[in-house]
Structures are given as C-alpha cells and as structure tokens.
Amino acid sequence: MDAQSYDIEQHKKKTCQFLDELLVKRKEQQALHYELHKNIAIQCRVSERQAEALEDQRAKITTLEKKLEEAQGADLKGSLEAASSELNVLRSANKDLESKLKEAEEKWKLIDDYCSELERAQSDLQAKRVVDLDVIKKLQKEVKSLRNFMTRAEAS
C-alpha cells in the first residue's frame, strides 16, 4: 500500500469516527430534550394541582370567616370555637400550600434556566454541526479528487 492510499484510508477512518461521534452527541441531545420536556410536564401538573388546592383552601377560609362572623353575631360560643379552630387549621394548610407553591415557582425558574442553557448548548451544537458539515464536504471533495488522481494514475 503506497503513502497516498494509506493517507486516504486514514482520512476515511477519521471521517467515520467523526460521524460516529456526531451521531452519539445527537442521540444524547435528543435524550436530554425528552427528559426536559417530561420534567416540565410533570412540574406543570404539580403546580396546577397546588394552585387548585390553594384556591379551594381560600374558598373554605372565606366560608369559615363568614360563618365566624355569623356565629359572633348570634353569640354561639360552641360553634364559634369550632369555626375558629377549623379556620386556624385551614389557615395553616393555606400557609403550607403557599410555601409549596413558592417552591414550585422556584423549581419552575430552575427549569427555565435549564431550558435556556440547553437551548444555548443546542445552538452551539448546531453551529458546530454546520462547521463540521462544511469540513466533511471539503474532505469528501478532497477524497473525490484523490480517487480521480488514483484512477488516472492507475490508468497511466
């Protein structure tokens, strides 16, 4: 095997390795996108459920506050104490839900940051892919010209 054939074979081998690496990176990127979208969907459902629970608790608190005002007006001590304790329980539950909602909002912000970082990485990979495709095209042209040269050399 002469030097030119050896160079062509090495170039072909490097090109194949490069394309294999590019394919692996593309698959990794697709897996990351899938996980990201799955996590976003889960977080959306959790946030929606927490928001609904918070609204339900607020409605119950409003109802209990009305009952408490009625009980104070009617001077019903037993029902007043029961309504007051239930109101305190609901306020406590409301505080818990608000803190969970804040946590969900913080997680949402983290997910947004992760999305933007992933989009930046994707655009970088896309730019690299364009550059790599240009390099591949140039290398293919060079291989073609070497093949033509080899064909002409063999014909001579």
C-alpha atoms as a PDB file:
ATOM      1  CA  MET A   1       0.000   0.000   0.000  1.00  0.00           C
ATOM      2  CA  ASP A   2       1.523   3.322  -1.014  1.00  0.00           C
ATOM      3  CA  ALA A   3       1.506   6.539   1.037  1.00  0.00           C
ATOM      4  CA  GLN A   4      -1.414   8.142  -0.785  1.00  0.00           C
ATOM      5  CA  SER A   5      -3.626   5.075  -0.324  1.00  0.00           C
ATOM      6  CA  TYR A   6      -2.643   4.947   3.315  1.00  0.00           C
ATOM      7  CA  ASP A   7      -3.490   8.659   3.722  1.00  0.00           C
ATOM      8  CA  ILE A   8      -6.841   8.123   2.050  1.00  0.00           C
ATOM      9  CA  GLU A   9      -7.641   5.169   4.315  1.00  0.00           C
ATOM     10  CA  GLN A  10      -6.641   7.159   7.404  1.00  0.00           C
ATOM     11  CA  HIS A  11      -8.733  10.097   6.274  1.00  0.00           C
ATOM     12  CA  LYS A  12     -11.686   7.779   5.650  1.00  0.00           C
ATOM     13  CA  LYS A  13     -11.257   6.233   9.113  1.00  0.00           C
ATOM     14  CA  LYS A  14     -11.109   9.649  10.815  1.00  0.00           C
ATOM     15  CA  THR A  15     -14.186  10.808   8.899  1.00  0.00           C
ATOM     16  CA  CYS A  16     -16.138   7.719  10.026  1.00  0.00           C
ATOM     17  CA  GLN A  17     -15.057   8.238  13.635  1.00  0.00           C
ATOM     18  CA  PHE A  18     -16.099  11.876  13.476  1.00  0.00           C
ATOM     19  CA  LEU A  19     -19.520  10.985  12.074  1.00  0.00           C
ATOM     20  CA  ASP A  20     -19.997   8.285  14.746  1.00  0.00           C
ATOM     21  CA  GLU A  21     -19.194  10.823  17.490  1.00  0.00           C
ATOM     22  CA  LEU A  22     -21.574  13.318  15.932  1.00  0.00           C
ATOM     23  CA  LEU A  23     -24.347  10.704  15.900  1.00  0.00           C
ATOM     24  CA  VAL A  24     -23.725   9.818  19.571  1.00  0.00           C
ATOM     25  CA  LYS A  25     -23.902  13.504  20.565  1.00  0.00           C
ATOM     26  CA  ARG A  26     -27.131  13.923  18.617  1.00  0.00           C
ATOM     27  CA  LYS A  27     -28.701  10.947  20.437  1.00  0.00           C
ATOM     28  CA  GLU A  28     -27.580  12.319  23.799  1.00  0.00           C
ATOM     29  CA  GLN A  29     -29.101  15.676  22.941  1.00  0.00           C
ATOM     30  CA  GLN A  30     -32.398  14.030  21.983  1.00  0.00           C
ATOM     31  CA  ALA A  31     -32.441  12.108  25.282  1.00  0.00           C
ATOM     32  CA  LEU A  32     -31.837  15.326  27.222  1.00  0.00           C
ATOM     33  CA  HIS A  33     -34.672  17.060  25.354  1.00  0.00           C
ATOM     34  CA  TYR A  34     -37.026  14.180  26.118  1.00  0.00           C
ATOM     35  CA  GLU A  35     -36.165  14.272  29.834  1.00  0.00           C
ATOM     36  CA  LEU A  36     -36.512  18.051  29.932  1.00  0.00           C
ATOM     37  CA  HIS A  37     -39.949  18.029  28.343  1.00  0.00           C
ATOM     38  CA  LYS A  38     -41.050  15.177  30.618  1.00  0.00           C
ATOM     39  CA  ASN A  39     -39.891  17.087  33.715  1.00  0.00           C
ATOM     40  CA  ILE A  40     -41.589  20.272  32.535  1.00  0.00           C
ATOM     41  CA  ALA A  41     -44.879  18.423  32.022  1.00  0.00           C
ATOM     42  CA  ILE A  42     -44.661  16.864  35.485  1.00  0.00           C
ATOM     43  CA  GLN A  43     -43.836  20.210  37.099  1.00  0.00           C
ATOM     44  CA  CYS A  44     -46.770  21.863  35.287  1.00  0.00           C
ATOM     45  CA  ARG A  45     -49.186  19.232  36.604  1.00  0.00           C
ATOM     46  CA  VAL A  46     -47.839  19.579  40.146  1.00  0.00           C
ATOM     47  CA  SER A  47     -48.077  23.380  40.004  1.00  0.00           C
ATOM     48  CA  GLU A  48     -51.621  23.241  38.659  1.00  0.00           C
ATOM     49  CA  ARG A  49     -52.733  20.846  41.399  1.00  0.00           C
ATOM     50  CA  GLN A  50     -51.160  23.010  44.074  1.00  0.00           C
ATOM     51  CA  ALA A  51     -52.799  26.127  42.650  1.00  0.00           C
ATOM     52  CA  GLU A  52     -56.195  24.366  42.639  1.00  0.00           C
ATOM     53  CA  ALA A  53     -55.718  23.188  46.215  1.00  0.00           C
ATOM     54  CA  LEU A  54     -54.741  26.717  47.230  1.00  0.00           C
ATOM     55  CA  GLU A  55     -57.907  28.145  45.647  1.00  0.00           C
ATOM     56  CA  ASP A  56     -60.030  25.503  47.390  1.00  0.00           C
ATOM     57  CA  GLN A  57     -58.436  26.381  50.737  1.00  0.00           C
ATOM     58  CA  ARG A  58     -59.016  30.094  50.147  1.00  0.00           C
ATOM     59  CA  ALA A  59     -62.690  29.425  49.362  1.00  0.00           C
ATOM     60  CA  LYS A  60     -63.035  27.377  52.561  1.00  0.00           C
ATOM     61  CA  ILE A  61     -61.354  30.126  54.573  1.00  0.00           C
ATOM     62  CA  THR A  62     -63.753  32.704  53.143  1.00  0.00           C
ATOM     63  CA  THR A  63     -66.722  30.485  54.001  1.00  0.00           C
ATOM     64  CA  LEU A  64     -65.437  29.899  57.519  1.00  0.00           C
ATOM     65  CA  GLU A  65     -64.792  33.601  58.056  1.00  0.00           C
ATOM     66  CA  LYS A  66     -68.405  34.280  57.086  1.00  0.00           C
ATOM     67  CA  LYS A  67     -69.584  31.561  59.455  1.00  0.00           C
ATOM     68  CA  LEU A  68     -67.400  33.027  62.169  1.00  0.00           C
ATOM     69  CA  GLU A  69     -68.934  36.470  61.683  1.00  0.00           C
ATOM     70  CA  GLU A  70     -72.419  34.930  61.828  1.00  0.00           C
ATOM     71  CA  ALA A  71     -71.517  32.969  64.917  1.00  0.00           C
ATOM     72  CA  GLN A  72     -70.179  36.079  66.634  1.00  0.00           C
ATOM     73  CA  GLY A  73     -73.418  37.875  65.823  1.00  0.00           C
ATOM     74  CA  ALA A  74     -75.555  35.009  67.138  1.00  0.00           C
ATOM     75  CA  ASP A  75     -73.260  34.561  70.147  1.00  0.00           C
ATOM     76  CA  LEU A  76     -72.994  30.808  69.682  1.00  0.00           C
ATOM     77  CA  LYS A  77     -69.916  30.039  71.684  1.00  0.00           C
ATOM     78  CA  GLY A  78     -69.614  26.332  70.757  1.00  0.00           C
ATOM     79  CA  SER A  79     -69.939  26.826  67.028  1.00  0.00           C
ATOM     80  CA  LEU A  80     -67.674  29.876  67.258  1.00  0.00           C
ATOM     81  CA  GLU A  81     -64.892  27.857  68.850  1.00  0.00           C
ATOM     82  CA  ALA A  82     -65.312  25.055  66.313  1.00  0.00           C
ATOM     83  CA  ALA A  83     -65.298  27.506  63.417  1.00  0.00           C
ATOM     84  CA  SER A  84     -62.315  29.320  64.902  1.00  0.00           C
ATOM     85  CA  SER A  85     -60.294  26.118  65.285  1.00  0.00           C
ATOM     86  CA  GLU A  86     -61.263  24.996  61.785  1.00  0.00           C
ATOM     87  CA  LEU A  87     -60.288  28.406  60.458  1.00  0.00           C
ATOM     88  CA  ASN A  88     -56.902  28.130  62.151  1.00  0.00           C
ATOM     89  CA  VAL A  89     -56.405  24.677  60.642  1.00  0.00           C
ATOM     90  CA  LEU A  90     -57.315  25.994  57.196  1.00  0.00           C
ATOM     91  CA  ARG A  91     -55.012  28.995  57.585  1.00  0.00           C
ATOM     92  CA  SER A  92     -52.203  26.645  58.495  1.00  0.00           C
ATOM     93  CA  ALA A  93     -52.987  24.471  55.471  1.00  0.00           C
ATOM     94  CA  ASN A  94     -53.121  27.622  53.334  1.00  0.00           C
ATOM     95  CA  LYS A  95     -49.649  28.654  54.528  1.00  0.00           C
ATOM     96  CA  ASP A  96     -48.327  25.176  53.695  1.00  0.00           C
ATOM     97  CA  LEU A  97     -49.824  25.348  50.225  1.00  0.00           C
ATOM     98  CA  GLU A  98     -48.418  28.822  49.651  1.00  0.00           C
ATOM     99  CA  SER A  99     -44.948  27.647  50.635  1.00  0.00           C
ATOM    100  CA  LYS A 100     -45.297  24.645  48.311  1.00  0.00           C
ATOM    101  CA  LEU A 101     -46.433  26.962  45.541  1.00  0.00           C
ATOM    102  CA  LYS A 102     -43.351  29.138  46.130  1.00  0.00           C
ATOM    103  CA  GLU A 103     -41.175  26.019  45.924  1.00  0.00           C
ATOM    104  CA  ALA A 104     -42.884  25.044  42.699  1.00  0.00           C
ATOM    105  CA  GLU A 105     -42.268  28.520  41.290  1.00  0.00           C
ATOM    106  CA  GLU A 106     -38.581  28.281  42.251  1.00  0.00           C
ATOM    107  CA  LYS A 107     -38.362  24.883  40.574  1.00  0.00           C
ATOM    108  CA  TRP A 108     -40.052  26.367  37.527  1.00  0.00           C
ATOM    109  CA  LYS A 109     -37.419  29.109  37.427  1.00  0.00           C
ATOM    110  CA  LEU A 110     -34.690  26.455  37.626  1.00  0.00           C
ATOM    111  CA  ILE A 111     -36.325  24.572  34.784  1.00  0.00           C
ATOM    112  CA  ASP A 112     -36.470  27.789  32.728  1.00  0.00           C
ATOM    113  CA  ASP A 113     -32.752  28.367  33.402  1.00  0.00           C
ATOM    114  CA  TYR A 114     -32.000  24.786  32.423  1.00  0.00           C
ATOM    115  CA  CYS A 115     -34.083  25.209  29.228  1.00  0.00           C
ATOM    116  CA  SER A 116     -32.205  28.328  28.215  1.00  0.00           C
ATOM    117  CA  GLU A 117     -28.884  26.628  28.955  1.00  0.00           C
ATOM    118  CA  LEU A 118     -29.961  23.618  26.914  1.00  0.00           C
ATOM    119  CA  GLU A 119     -31.068  25.866  24.055  1.00  0.00           C
ATOM    120  CA  ARG A 120     -27.695  27.626  24.127  1.00  0.00           C
ATOM    121  CA  ALA A 121     -25.930  24.278  24.053  1.00  0.00           C
ATOM    122  CA  GLN A 122     -28.170  23.150  21.221  1.00  0.00           C
ATOM    123  CA  SER A 123     -27.416  26.268  19.191  1.00  0.00           C
ATOM    124  CA  ASP A 124     -23.685  25.733  19.857  1.00  0.00           C
ATOM    125  CA  LEU A 125     -24.008  22.134  18.701  1.00  0.00           C
ATOM    126  CA  GLN A 126     -25.956  23.276  15.654  1.00  0.00           C
ATOM    127  CA  ALA A 127     -23.247  25.798  14.794  1.00  0.00           C
ATOM    128  CA  LYS A 128     -20.589  23.132  15.273  1.00  0.00           C
ATOM    129  CA  ARG A 129     -22.629  20.768  13.129  1.00  0.00           C
ATOM    130  CA  VAL A 130     -22.715  23.330  10.310  1.00  0.00           C
ATOM    131  CA  VAL A 131     -18.960  23.795  10.570  1.00  0.00           C
ATOM    132  CA  ASP A 132     -18.438  20.034  10.711  1.00  0.00           C
ATOM    133  CA  LEU A 133     -20.668  19.521   7.671  1.00  0.00           C
ATOM    134  CA  ASP A 134     -18.579  22.066   5.776  1.00  0.00           C
ATOM    135  CA  VAL A 135     -15.427  20.216   6.811  1.00  0.00           C
ATOM    136  CA  ILE A 136     -16.975  16.912   5.727  1.00  0.00           C
ATOM    137  CA  LYS A 137     -17.917  18.348   2.350  1.00  0.00           C
ATOM    138  CA  LYS A 138     -14.385  19.663   1.865  1.00  0.00           C
ATOM    139  CA  LEU A 139     -12.952  16.299   2.899  1.00  0.00           C
ATOM    140  CA  GLN A 140     -15.326  14.493   0.540  1.00  0.00           C
ATOM    141  CA  LYS A 141     -14.187  16.746  -2.302  1.00  0.00           C
ATOM    142  CA  GLU A 142     -10.586  16.024  -1.392  1.00  0.00           C
ATOM    143  CA  VAL A 143     -11.271  12.257  -1.298  1.00  0.00           C
ATOM    144  CA  LYS A 144     -13.008  12.501  -4.663  1.00  0.00           C
ATOM    145  CA  SER A 145     -10.077  14.358  -6.185  1.00  0.00           C
ATOM    146  CA  LEU A 146      -7.670  11.798  -4.688  1.00  0.00           C
ATOM    147  CA  ARG A 147      -9.779   8.984  -6.151  1.00  0.00           C
ATOM    148  CA  ASN A 148      -9.722  10.672  -9.551  1.00  0.00           C
ATOM    149  CA  PHE A 149      -5.961  11.105  -9.230  1.00  0.00           C
ATOM    150  CA  MET A 150      -5.574   7.435  -8.226  1.00  0.00           C
ATOM    151  CA  THR A 151      -7.777   6.353 -11.144  1.00  0.00           C
ATOM    152  CA  ARG A 152      -5.724   8.437 -13.570  1.00  0.00           C
ATOM    153  CA  ALA A 153      -2.511   7.189 -12.001  1.00  0.00           C
ATOM    154  CA  GLU A 154      -3.623   3.556 -12.311  1.00  0.00           C
ATOM    155  CA  ALA A 155      -4.738   4.157 -15.891  1.00  0.00           C
ATOM    156  CA  SER A 156      -1.300   5.541 -16.749  1.00  0.00           C
END
